């Protein structure tokens, strides 16, 4: 089994690339281009996940979800957040009905 520590390592790498040379780092290039470019990549990867799922190719689905997670982690890092913030939110929601949780968020 692959360890969830990969999220720690990946997050640390993303933060370290924030001020790296955009000519030598894809992540630095995304950070340099800013939020719009990052959001565009998240959107593109979301569509690619949907298309892979429609095709039914499990390996393709996994690869596209990995791309989506990666670009979502870039977005989090750009916003000064991390996977830990998302994990804390998931832990907060654990054991709460999805219907109840969504109703509690009305207006946010």
PDB file of N, CA and C in Angstrom:
ATOM      1  N   UNK A   1       0.841  -1.182   0.000  1.00  0.00           N
ATOM      2  CA  UNK A   1       0.000   0.000   0.000  1.00  0.00           C
ATOM      3  C   UNK A   1       0.885   1.244   0.000  1.00  0.00           C
ATOM      4  N   UNK A   2       0.497   2.210  -0.784  1.00  0.00           N
ATOM      5  CA  UNK A   2       1.222   3.470  -0.854  1.00  0.00           C
ATOM      6  C   UNK A   2       0.839   4.304   0.364  1.00  0.00           C
ATOM      7  N   UNK A   3       1.824   4.927   0.962  1.00  0.00           N
ATOM      8  CA  UNK A   3       1.606   5.722   2.163  1.00  0.00           C
ATOM      9  C   UNK A   3       1.031   7.085   1.820  1.00  0.00           C
ATOM     10  N   UNK A   4       0.174   7.581   2.709  1.00  0.00           N
ATOM     11  CA  UNK A   4      -0.374   8.926   2.542  1.00  0.00           C
ATOM     12  C   UNK A   4       0.707   9.985   2.735  1.00  0.00           C
ATOM     13  N   UNK A   5       1.905   9.588   3.162  1.00  0.00           N
ATOM     14  CA  UNK A   5       3.015  10.525   3.301  1.00  0.00           C
ATOM     15  C   UNK A   5       3.349  11.206   1.976  1.00  0.00           C
ATOM     16  N   UNK A   6       2.915  10.609   0.869  1.00  0.00           N
ATOM     17  CA  UNK A   6       3.174  11.220  -0.426  1.00  0.00           C
ATOM     18  C   UNK A   6       2.570  12.624  -0.472  1.00  0.00           C
ATOM     19  N   UNK A   7       1.439  12.829   0.196  1.00  0.00           N
ATOM     20  CA  UNK A   7       0.831  14.162   0.217  1.00  0.00           C
ATOM     21  C   UNK A   7       1.720  15.156   0.950  1.00  0.00           C
ATOM     22  N   UNK A   8       2.352  14.708   2.031  1.00  0.00           N
ATOM     23  CA  UNK A   8       3.287  15.573   2.772  1.00  0.00           C
ATOM     24  C   UNK A   8       4.460  15.967   1.886  1.00  0.00           C
ATOM     25  N   UNK A   9       5.046  14.966   1.230  1.00  0.00           N
ATOM     26  CA  UNK A   9       6.208  15.226   0.386  1.00  0.00           C
ATOM     27  C   UNK A   9       5.844  16.111  -0.797  1.00  0.00           C
ATOM     28  N   UNK A  10       4.718  15.816  -1.422  1.00  0.00           N
ATOM     29  CA  UNK A  10       4.290  16.607  -2.573  1.00  0.00           C
ATOM     30  C   UNK A  10       3.989  18.041  -2.154  1.00  0.00           C
ATOM     31  N   UNK A  11       3.313  18.221  -1.038  1.00  0.00           N
ATOM     32  CA  UNK A  11       3.013  19.573  -0.563  1.00  0.00           C
ATOM     33  C   UNK A  11       4.288  20.356  -0.284  1.00  0.00           C
ATOM     34  N   UNK A  12       5.258  19.702   0.325  1.00  0.00           N
ATOM     35  CA  UNK A  12       6.538  20.367   0.605  1.00  0.00           C
ATOM     36  C   UNK A  12       7.229  20.760  -0.696  1.00  0.00           C
ATOM     37  N   UNK A  13       7.180  19.896  -1.684  1.00  0.00           N
ATOM     38  CA  UNK A  13       7.785  20.202  -2.980  1.00  0.00           C
ATOM     39  C   UNK A  13       7.088  21.391  -3.631  1.00  0.00           C
ATOM     40  N   UNK A  14       5.768  21.416  -3.576  1.00  0.00           N
ATOM     41  CA  UNK A  14       5.024  22.523  -4.184  1.00  0.00           C
ATOM     42  C   UNK A  14       5.389  23.844  -3.531  1.00  0.00           C
ATOM     43  N   UNK A  15       5.450  23.865  -2.212  1.00  0.00           N
ATOM     44  CA  UNK A  15       5.817  25.097  -1.504  1.00  0.00           C
ATOM     45  C   UNK A  15       7.231  25.524  -1.884  1.00  0.00           C
ATOM     46  N   UNK A  16       8.129  24.552  -2.012  1.00  0.00           N
ATOM     47  CA  UNK A  16       9.520  24.887  -2.354  1.00  0.00           C
ATOM     48  C   UNK A  16       9.643  25.445  -3.767  1.00  0.00           C
ATOM     49  N   UNK A  17       8.689  25.149  -4.629  1.00  0.00           N
ATOM     50  CA  UNK A  17       8.736  25.617  -6.022  1.00  0.00           C
ATOM     51  C   UNK A  17       8.057  26.971  -6.207  1.00  0.00           C
ATOM     52  N   UNK A  18       7.444  27.477  -5.169  1.00  0.00           N
ATOM     53  CA  UNK A  18       6.693  28.737  -5.278  1.00  0.00           C
ATOM     54  C   UNK A  18       7.559  29.862  -5.830  1.00  0.00           C
ATOM     55  N   UNK A  19       8.807  29.922  -5.397  1.00  0.00           N
ATOM     56  CA  UNK A  19       9.703  30.995  -5.839  1.00  0.00           C
ATOM     57  C   UNK A  19      10.801  30.499  -6.768  1.00  0.00           C
ATOM     58  N   UNK A  20      10.614  29.311  -7.311  1.00  0.00           N
ATOM     59  CA  UNK A  20      11.612  28.741  -8.222  1.00  0.00           C
ATOM     60  C   UNK A  20      11.525  29.418  -9.588  1.00  0.00           C
ATOM     61  N   UNK A  21      12.497  29.162 -10.406  1.00  0.00           N
ATOM     62  CA  UNK A  21      12.561  29.716 -11.749  1.00  0.00           C
ATOM     63  C   UNK A  21      11.478  29.081 -12.629  1.00  0.00           C
ATOM     64  N   UNK A  22      10.546  29.868 -13.160  1.00  0.00           N
ATOM     65  CA  UNK A  22       9.483  29.321 -14.003  1.00  0.00           C
ATOM     66  C   UNK A  22       9.993  28.688 -15.298  1.00  0.00           C
ATOM     67  N   UNK A  23      11.249  28.953 -15.650  1.00  0.00           N
ATOM     68  CA  UNK A  23      11.807  28.347 -16.861  1.00  0.00           C
ATOM     69  C   UNK A  23      12.274  26.917 -16.640  1.00  0.00           C
ATOM     70  N   UNK A  24      12.402  26.511 -15.374  1.00  0.00           N
ATOM     71  CA  UNK A  24      12.901  25.158 -15.106  1.00  0.00           C
ATOM     72  C   UNK A  24      11.930  24.309 -14.284  1.00  0.00           C
ATOM     73  N   UNK A  25      10.793  24.891 -13.879  1.00  0.00           N
ATOM     74  CA  UNK A  25       9.833  24.162 -13.051  1.00  0.00           C
ATOM     75  C   UNK A  25       8.409  24.419 -13.540  1.00  0.00           C
ATOM     76  N   UNK A  26       7.710  23.347 -13.863  1.00  0.00           N
ATOM     77  CA  UNK A  26       6.318  23.452 -14.287  1.00  0.00           C
ATOM     78  C   UNK A  26       5.474  24.100 -13.191  1.00  0.00           C
ATOM     79  N   UNK A  27       5.673  23.689 -11.953  1.00  0.00           N
ATOM     80  CA  UNK A  27       4.903  24.243 -10.832  1.00  0.00           C
ATOM     81  C   UNK A  27       5.219  25.722 -10.658  1.00  0.00           C
ATOM     82  N   UNK A  28       6.491  26.082 -10.732  1.00  0.00           N
ATOM     83  CA  UNK A  28       6.864  27.488 -10.618  1.00  0.00           C
ATOM     84  C   UNK A  28       6.214  28.298 -11.733  1.00  0.00           C
ATOM     85  N   UNK A  29       6.129  27.720 -12.928  1.00  0.00           N
ATOM     86  CA  UNK A  29       5.487  28.403 -14.052  1.00  0.00           C
ATOM     87  C   UNK A  29       4.010  28.653 -13.747  1.00  0.00           C
ATOM     88  N   UNK A  30       3.333  27.644 -13.174  1.00  0.00           N
ATOM     89  CA  UNK A  30       1.930  27.833 -12.800  1.00  0.00           C
ATOM     90  C   UNK A  30       1.788  28.922 -11.741  1.00  0.00           C
ATOM     91  N   UNK A  31       2.634  28.873 -10.704  1.00  0.00           N
ATOM     92  CA  UNK A  31       2.587  29.904  -9.667  1.00  0.00           C
ATOM     93  C   UNK A  31       2.825  31.285 -10.279  1.00  0.00           C
ATOM     94  N   UNK A  32       3.790  31.356 -11.182  1.00  0.00           N
ATOM     95  CA  UNK A  32       4.141  32.626 -11.814  1.00  0.00           C
ATOM     96  C   UNK A  32       2.969  33.167 -12.644  1.00  0.00           C
ATOM     97  N   UNK A  33       2.265  32.285 -13.345  1.00  0.00           N
ATOM     98  CA  UNK A  33       1.133  32.708 -14.168  1.00  0.00           C
ATOM     99  C   UNK A  33      -0.051  33.139 -13.314  1.00  0.00           C
ATOM    100  N   UNK A  34      -0.149  32.602 -12.108  1.00  0.00           N
ATOM    101  CA  UNK A  34      -1.180  33.039 -11.177  1.00  0.00           C
ATOM    102  C   UNK A  34      -2.419  32.168 -11.126  1.00  0.00           C
ATOM    103  N   UNK A  35      -3.371  32.666 -10.357  1.00  0.00           N
ATOM    104  CA  UNK A  35      -4.573  31.904 -10.052  1.00  0.00           C
ATOM    105  C   UNK A  35      -5.354  31.494 -11.291  1.00  0.00           C
ATOM    106  N   UNK A  36      -5.492  32.397 -12.260  1.00  0.00           N
ATOM    107  CA  UNK A  36      -6.273  32.072 -13.464  1.00  0.00           C
ATOM    108  C   UNK A  36      -5.724  30.837 -14.177  1.00  0.00           C
ATOM    109  N   UNK A  37      -4.407  30.769 -14.326  1.00  0.00           N
ATOM    110  CA  UNK A  37      -3.792  29.621 -14.996  1.00  0.00           C
ATOM    111  C   UNK A  37      -3.986  28.342 -14.188  1.00  0.00           C
ATOM    112  N   UNK A  38      -3.884  28.460 -12.886  1.00  0.00           N
ATOM    113  CA  UNK A  38      -4.058  27.293 -12.021  1.00  0.00           C
ATOM    114  C   UNK A  38      -5.506  26.815 -12.087  1.00  0.00           C
ATOM    115  N   UNK A  39      -6.450  27.739 -12.011  1.00  0.00           N
ATOM    116  CA  UNK A  39      -7.864  27.370 -12.089  1.00  0.00           C
ATOM    117  C   UNK A  39      -8.192  26.727 -13.433  1.00  0.00           C
ATOM    118  N   UNK A  40      -7.591  27.232 -14.491  1.00  0.00           N
ATOM    119  CA  UNK A  40      -7.805  26.655 -15.816  1.00  0.00           C
ATOM    120  C   UNK A  40      -7.342  25.196 -15.835  1.00  0.00           C
ATOM    121  N   UNK A  41      -6.179  24.924 -15.241  1.00  0.00           N
ATOM    122  CA  UNK A  41      -5.672  23.545 -15.196  1.00  0.00           C
ATOM    123  C   UNK A  41      -6.590  22.657 -14.365  1.00  0.00           C
ATOM    124  N   UNK A  42      -7.079  23.162 -13.231  1.00  0.00           N
ATOM    125  CA  UNK A  42      -8.002  22.368 -12.402  1.00  0.00           C
ATOM    126  C   UNK A  42      -9.259  22.046 -13.205  1.00  0.00           C
ATOM    127  N   UNK A  43      -9.771  23.027 -13.931  1.00  0.00           N
ATOM    128  CA  UNK A  43     -10.949  22.794 -14.762  1.00  0.00           C
ATOM    129  C   UNK A  43     -10.693  21.776 -15.857  1.00  0.00           C
ATOM    130  N   UNK A  44      -9.568  21.908 -16.544  1.00  0.00           N
ATOM    131  CA  UNK A  44      -9.215  20.971 -17.613  1.00  0.00           C
ATOM    132  C   UNK A  44      -9.103  19.549 -17.067  1.00  0.00           C
ATOM    133  N   UNK A  45      -8.429  19.422 -15.930  1.00  0.00           N
ATOM    134  CA  UNK A  45      -8.242  18.086 -15.356  1.00  0.00           C
ATOM    135  C   UNK A  45      -9.567  17.499 -14.885  1.00  0.00           C
ATOM    136  N   UNK A  46     -10.473  18.348 -14.397  1.00  0.00           N
ATOM    137  CA  UNK A  46     -11.800  17.866 -13.983  1.00  0.00           C
ATOM    138  C   UNK A  46     -12.545  17.259 -15.165  1.00  0.00           C
ATOM    139  N   UNK A  47     -12.495  17.952 -16.292  1.00  0.00           N
ATOM    140  CA  UNK A  47     -13.149  17.450 -17.505  1.00  0.00           C
ATOM    141  C   UNK A  47     -12.498  16.145 -17.947  1.00  0.00           C
ATOM    142  N   UNK A  48     -11.182  16.056 -17.860  1.00  0.00           N
ATOM    143  CA  UNK A  48     -10.486  14.837 -18.275  1.00  0.00           C
ATOM    144  C   UNK A  48     -10.845  13.656 -17.374  1.00  0.00           C
ATOM    145  N   UNK A  49     -11.094  13.900 -16.090  1.00  0.00           N
ATOM    146  CA  UNK A  49     -11.553  12.831 -15.189  1.00  0.00           C
ATOM    147  C   UNK A  49     -12.924  12.334 -15.654  1.00  0.00           C
ATOM    148  N   UNK A  50     -13.801  13.268 -15.958  1.00  0.00           N
ATOM    149  CA  UNK A  50     -15.143  12.893 -16.409  1.00  0.00           C
ATOM    150  C   UNK A  50     -15.075  12.073 -17.693  1.00  0.00           C
ATOM    151  N   UNK A  51     -14.254  12.516 -18.635  1.00  0.00           N
ATOM    152  CA  UNK A  51     -14.136  11.794 -19.902  1.00  0.00           C
ATOM    153  C   UNK A  51     -13.532  10.401 -19.698  1.00  0.00           C
ATOM    154  N   UNK A  52     -12.545  10.304 -18.844  1.00  0.00           N
ATOM    155  CA  UNK A  52     -11.935   8.998 -18.564  1.00  0.00           C
ATOM    156  C   UNK A  52     -12.960   8.062 -17.928  1.00  0.00           C
ATOM    157  N   UNK A  53     -13.778   8.597 -17.028  1.00  0.00           N
ATOM    158  CA  UNK A  53     -14.796   7.771 -16.376  1.00  0.00           C
ATOM    159  C   UNK A  53     -15.832   7.303 -17.399  1.00  0.00           C
ATOM    160  N   UNK A  54     -16.198   8.186 -18.321  1.00  0.00           N
ATOM    161  CA  UNK A  54     -17.161   7.801 -19.357  1.00  0.00           C
ATOM    162  C   UNK A  54     -16.595   6.698 -20.247  1.00  0.00           C
ATOM    163  N   UNK A  55     -15.270   6.719 -20.454  1.00  0.00           N
ATOM    164  CA  UNK A  55     -14.624   5.685 -21.269  1.00  0.00           C
ATOM    165  C   UNK A  55     -14.532   4.356 -20.530  1.00  0.00           C
ATOM    166  N   UNK A  56     -14.558   4.412 -19.190  1.00  0.00           N
ATOM    167  CA  UNK A  56     -14.526   3.193 -18.389  1.00  0.00           C
ATOM    168  C   UNK A  56     -13.154   2.555 -18.245  1.00  0.00           C
ATOM    169  N   UNK A  57     -12.104   3.262 -18.638  1.00  0.00           N
ATOM    170  CA  UNK A  57     -10.744   2.729 -18.530  1.00  0.00           C
ATOM    171  C   UNK A  57     -10.204   3.072 -17.147  1.00  0.00           C
ATOM    172  N   UNK A  58     -10.121   2.089 -16.268  1.00  0.00           N
ATOM    173  CA  UNK A  58      -9.755   2.325 -14.868  1.00  0.00           C
ATOM    174  C   UNK A  58      -8.377   2.962 -14.715  1.00  0.00           C
ATOM    175  N   UNK A  59      -7.392   2.529 -15.475  1.00  0.00           N
ATOM    176  CA  UNK A  59      -6.061   3.117 -15.395  1.00  0.00           C
ATOM    177  C   UNK A  59      -6.092   4.581 -15.830  1.00  0.00           C
ATOM    178  N   UNK A  60      -6.840   4.861 -16.873  1.00  0.00           N
ATOM    179  CA  UNK A  60      -6.964   6.231 -17.352  1.00  0.00           C
ATOM    180  C   UNK A  60      -7.642   7.102 -16.285  1.00  0.00           C
ATOM    181  N   UNK A  61      -8.668   6.556 -15.624  1.00  0.00           N
ATOM    182  CA  UNK A  61      -9.344   7.285 -14.549  1.00  0.00           C
ATOM    183  C   UNK A  61      -8.350   7.625 -13.446  1.00  0.00           C
ATOM    184  N   UNK A  62      -7.580   6.640 -13.017  1.00  0.00           N
ATOM    185  CA  UNK A  62      -6.607   6.856 -11.937  1.00  0.00           C
ATOM    186  C   UNK A  62      -5.600   7.928 -12.344  1.00  0.00           C
ATOM    187  N   UNK A  63      -5.098   7.852 -13.552  1.00  0.00           N
ATOM    188  CA  UNK A  63      -4.102   8.836 -14.003  1.00  0.00           C
ATOM    189  C   UNK A  63      -4.683  10.243 -14.065  1.00  0.00           C
ATOM    190  N   UNK A  64      -5.907  10.367 -14.533  1.00  0.00           N
ATOM    191  CA  UNK A  64      -6.525  11.688 -14.621  1.00  0.00           C
ATOM    192  C   UNK A  64      -6.874  12.234 -13.235  1.00  0.00           C
ATOM    193  N   UNK A  65      -7.318  11.365 -12.322  1.00  0.00           N
ATOM    194  CA  UNK A  65      -7.583  11.821 -10.955  1.00  0.00           C
ATOM    195  C   UNK A  65      -6.281  12.265 -10.300  1.00  0.00           C
ATOM    196  N   UNK A  66      -5.190  11.556 -10.571  1.00  0.00           N
ATOM    197  CA  UNK A  66      -3.886  11.977 -10.040  1.00  0.00           C
ATOM    198  C   UNK A  66      -3.533  13.370 -10.553  1.00  0.00           C
ATOM    199  N   UNK A  67      -3.776  13.628 -11.842  1.00  0.00           N
ATOM    200  CA  UNK A  67      -3.535  14.966 -12.403  1.00  0.00           C
ATOM    201  C   UNK A  67      -4.417  16.006 -11.719  1.00  0.00           C
ATOM    202  N   UNK A  68      -5.686  15.668 -11.496  1.00  0.00           N
ATOM    203  CA  UNK A  68      -6.610  16.595 -10.839  1.00  0.00           C
ATOM    204  C   UNK A  68      -6.168  16.880  -9.413  1.00  0.00           C
ATOM    205  N   UNK A  69      -5.828  15.832  -8.666  1.00  0.00           N
ATOM    206  CA  UNK A  69      -5.354  16.031  -7.289  1.00  0.00           C
ATOM    207  C   UNK A  69      -4.111  16.910  -7.278  1.00  0.00           C
ATOM    208  N   UNK A  70      -3.173  16.628  -8.189  1.00  0.00           N
ATOM    209  CA  UNK A  70      -1.939  17.401  -8.251  1.00  0.00           C
ATOM    210  C   UNK A  70      -2.243  18.887  -8.457  1.00  0.00           C
ATOM    211  N   UNK A  71      -3.055  19.190  -9.452  1.00  0.00           N
ATOM    212  CA  UNK A  71      -3.338  20.589  -9.746  1.00  0.00           C
ATOM    213  C   UNK A  71      -4.180  21.242  -8.649  1.00  0.00           C
ATOM    214  N   UNK A  72      -4.996  20.463  -7.974  1.00  0.00           N
ATOM    215  CA  UNK A  72      -5.743  20.981  -6.826  1.00  0.00           C
ATOM    216  C   UNK A  72      -4.780  21.296  -5.688  1.00  0.00           C
ATOM    217  N   UNK A  73      -3.768  20.472  -5.497  1.00  0.00           N
ATOM    218  CA  UNK A  73      -2.743  20.759  -4.482  1.00  0.00           C
ATOM    219  C   UNK A  73      -1.961  22.019  -4.840  1.00  0.00           C
ATOM    220  N   UNK A  74      -1.714  22.230  -6.127  1.00  0.00           N
ATOM    221  CA  UNK A  74      -1.057  23.471  -6.559  1.00  0.00           C
ATOM    222  C   UNK A  74      -1.944  24.662  -6.195  1.00  0.00           C
ATOM    223  N   UNK A  75      -3.240  24.540  -6.460  1.00  0.00           N
ATOM    224  CA  UNK A  75      -4.174  25.612  -6.116  1.00  0.00           C
ATOM    225  C   UNK A  75      -4.164  25.890  -4.615  1.00  0.00           C
ATOM    226  N   UNK A  76      -4.216  24.829  -3.816  1.00  0.00           N
ATOM    227  CA  UNK A  76      -4.176  25.010  -2.366  1.00  0.00           C
ATOM    228  C   UNK A  76      -2.909  25.742  -1.946  1.00  0.00           C
ATOM    229  N   UNK A  77      -1.774  25.314  -2.475  1.00  0.00           N
ATOM    230  CA  UNK A  77      -0.497  25.949  -2.121  1.00  0.00           C
ATOM    231  C   UNK A  77      -0.502  27.419  -2.543  1.00  0.00           C
ATOM    232  N   UNK A  78      -1.037  27.698  -3.710  1.00  0.00           N
ATOM    233  CA  UNK A  78      -1.111  29.076  -4.189  1.00  0.00           C
ATOM    234  C   UNK A  78      -1.927  29.945  -3.239  1.00  0.00           C
ATOM    235  N   UNK A  79      -2.950  29.351  -2.637  1.00  0.00           N
ATOM    236  CA  UNK A  79      -3.833  30.079  -1.729  1.00  0.00           C
ATOM    237  C   UNK A  79      -3.351  30.039  -0.276  1.00  0.00           C
ATOM    238  N   UNK A  80      -2.164  29.457  -0.047  1.00  0.00           N
ATOM    239  CA  UNK A  80      -1.628  29.381   1.310  1.00  0.00           C
ATOM    240  C   UNK A  80      -2.277  28.302   2.152  1.00  0.00           C
ATOM    241  N   UNK A  81      -2.856  27.323   1.479  1.00  0.00           N
ATOM    242  CA  UNK A  81      -3.501  26.196   2.154  1.00  0.00           C
ATOM    243  C   UNK A  81      -2.732  24.919   1.837  1.00  0.00           C
ATOM    244  N   UNK A  82      -3.147  23.819   2.442  1.00  0.00           N
ATOM    245  CA  UNK A  82      -2.506  22.541   2.148  1.00  0.00           C
ATOM    246  C   UNK A  82      -3.522  21.408   2.232  1.00  0.00           C
ATOM    247  N   UNK A  83      -3.054  20.233   1.888  1.00  0.00           N
ATOM    248  CA  UNK A  83      -3.894  19.041   1.988  1.00  0.00           C
ATOM    249  C   UNK A  83      -4.397  18.846   3.415  1.00  0.00           C
ATOM    250  N   UNK A  84      -3.630  19.306   4.399  1.00  0.00           N
ATOM    251  CA  UNK A  84      -4.035  19.153   5.796  1.00  0.00           C
ATOM    252  C   UNK A  84      -5.321  19.925   6.086  1.00  0.00           C
ATOM    253  N   UNK A  85      -5.495  21.063   5.441  1.00  0.00           N
ATOM    254  CA  UNK A  85      -6.730  21.823   5.604  1.00  0.00           C
ATOM    255  C   UNK A  85      -7.924  21.034   5.074  1.00  0.00           C
ATOM    256  N   UNK A  86      -7.742  20.371   3.949  1.00  0.00           N
ATOM    257  CA  UNK A  86      -8.810  19.568   3.358  1.00  0.00           C
ATOM    258  C   UNK A  86      -9.080  18.343   4.230  1.00  0.00           C
ATOM    259  N   UNK A  87      -8.020  17.692   4.704  1.00  0.00           N
ATOM    260  CA  UNK A  87      -8.205  16.527   5.572  1.00  0.00           C
ATOM    261  C   UNK A  87      -8.931  16.907   6.856  1.00  0.00           C
ATOM    262  N   UNK A  88      -8.627  18.069   7.398  1.00  0.00           N
ATOM    263  CA  UNK A  88      -9.311  18.528   8.615  1.00  0.00           C
ATOM    264  C   UNK A  88     -10.798  18.744   8.330  1.00  0.00           C
ATOM    265  N   UNK A  89     -11.106  19.285   7.169  1.00  0.00           N
ATOM    266  CA  UNK A  89     -12.510  19.490   6.808  1.00  0.00           C
ATOM    267  C   UNK A  89     -13.222  18.157   6.623  1.00  0.00           C
ATOM    268  N   UNK A  90     -12.561  17.205   5.994  1.00  0.00           N
ATOM    269  CA  UNK A  90     -13.165  15.873   5.839  1.00  0.00           C
ATOM    270  C   UNK A  90     -13.387  15.223   7.207  1.00  0.00           C
ATOM    271  N   UNK A  91     -12.425  15.384   8.106  1.00  0.00           N
ATOM    272  CA  UNK A  91     -12.573  14.828   9.459  1.00  0.00           C
ATOM    273  C   UNK A  91     -13.741  15.501  10.176  1.00  0.00           C
ATOM    274  N   UNK A  92     -13.904  16.802   9.985  1.00  0.00           N
ATOM    275  CA  UNK A  92     -15.011  17.521  10.610  1.00  0.00           C
ATOM    276  C   UNK A  92     -16.348  16.981  10.125  1.00  0.00           C
ATOM    277  N   UNK A  93     -16.419  16.623   8.865  1.00  0.00           N
ATOM    278  CA  UNK A  93     -17.661  16.141   8.274  1.00  0.00           C
ATOM    279  C   UNK A  93     -17.950  14.678   8.580  1.00  0.00           C
ATOM    280  N   UNK A  94     -16.945  13.950   9.002  1.00  0.00           N
ATOM    281  CA  UNK A  94     -17.116  12.514   9.231  1.00  0.00           C
ATOM    282  C   UNK A  94     -18.259  12.262  10.222  1.00  0.00           C
ATOM    283  N   UNK A  95     -19.144  11.375   9.842  1.00  0.00           N
ATOM    284  CA  UNK A  95     -20.253  11.014  10.708  1.00  0.00           C
ATOM    285  C   UNK A  95     -21.443  11.950  10.613  1.00  0.00           C
ATOM    286  N   UNK A  96     -21.352  12.966   9.764  1.00  0.00           N
ATOM    287  CA  UNK A  96     -22.458  13.905   9.580  1.00  0.00           C
ATOM    288  C   UNK A  96     -23.136  13.560   8.259  1.00  0.00           C
ATOM    289  N   UNK A  97     -24.429  13.522   8.265  1.00  0.00           N
ATOM    290  CA  UNK A  97     -25.178  13.282   7.036  1.00  0.00           C
ATOM    291  C   UNK A  97     -24.786  14.327   6.004  1.00  0.00           C
ATOM    292  N   UNK A  98     -24.581  13.893   4.784  1.00  0.00           N
ATOM    293  CA  UNK A  98     -24.260  14.822   3.709  1.00  0.00           C
ATOM    294  C   UNK A  98     -25.346  15.861   3.508  1.00  0.00           C
ATOM    295  N   UNK A  99     -26.584  15.454   3.685  1.00  0.00           N
ATOM    296  CA  UNK A  99     -27.708  16.384   3.549  1.00  0.00           C
ATOM    297  C   UNK A  99     -27.644  17.439   4.648  1.00  0.00           C
ATOM    298  N   UNK A 100     -27.391  17.001   5.889  1.00  0.00           N
ATOM    299  CA  UNK A 100     -27.292  17.937   7.013  1.00  0.00           C
ATOM    300  C   UNK A 100     -26.086  18.864   6.863  1.00  0.00           C
ATOM    301  N   UNK A 101     -24.957  18.314   6.422  1.00  0.00           N
ATOM    302  CA  UNK A 101     -23.742  19.116   6.274  1.00  0.00           C
ATOM    303  C   UNK A 101     -23.946  20.188   5.215  1.00  0.00           C
ATOM    304  N   UNK A 102     -24.555  19.803   4.105  1.00  0.00           N
ATOM    305  CA  UNK A 102     -24.791  20.775   3.034  1.00  0.00           C
ATOM    306  C   UNK A 102     -25.771  21.856   3.489  1.00  0.00           C
ATOM    307  N   UNK A 103     -26.794  21.492   4.214  1.00  0.00           N
ATOM    308  CA  UNK A 103     -27.767  22.471   4.716  1.00  0.00           C
ATOM    309  C   UNK A 103     -27.105  23.455   5.663  1.00  0.00           C
ATOM    310  N   UNK A 104     -26.142  22.993   6.443  1.00  0.00           N
ATOM    311  CA  UNK A 104     -25.433  23.872   7.391  1.00  0.00           C
ATOM    312  C   UNK A 104     -24.556  24.886   6.678  1.00  0.00           C
ATOM    313  N   UNK A 105     -24.187  24.619   5.417  1.00  0.00           N
ATOM    314  CA  UNK A 105     -23.320  25.519   4.655  1.00  0.00           C
ATOM    315  C   UNK A 105     -24.095  26.559   3.867  1.00  0.00           C
ATOM    316  N   UNK A 106     -25.398  26.518   3.884  1.00  0.00           N
ATOM    317  CA  UNK A 106     -26.187  27.492   3.105  1.00  0.00           C
ATOM    318  C   UNK A 106     -25.727  28.902   3.432  1.00  0.00           C
ATOM    319  N   UNK A 107     -25.535  29.683   2.407  1.00  0.00           N
ATOM    320  CA  UNK A 107     -25.078  31.063   2.591  1.00  0.00           C
ATOM    321  C   UNK A 107     -23.579  31.216   2.544  1.00  0.00           C
ATOM    322  N   UNK A 108     -22.822  30.120   2.409  1.00  0.00           N
ATOM    323  CA  UNK A 108     -21.360  30.213   2.306  1.00  0.00           C
ATOM    324  C   UNK A 108     -20.916  29.951   0.909  1.00  0.00           C
TER     325      UNK A 108
END
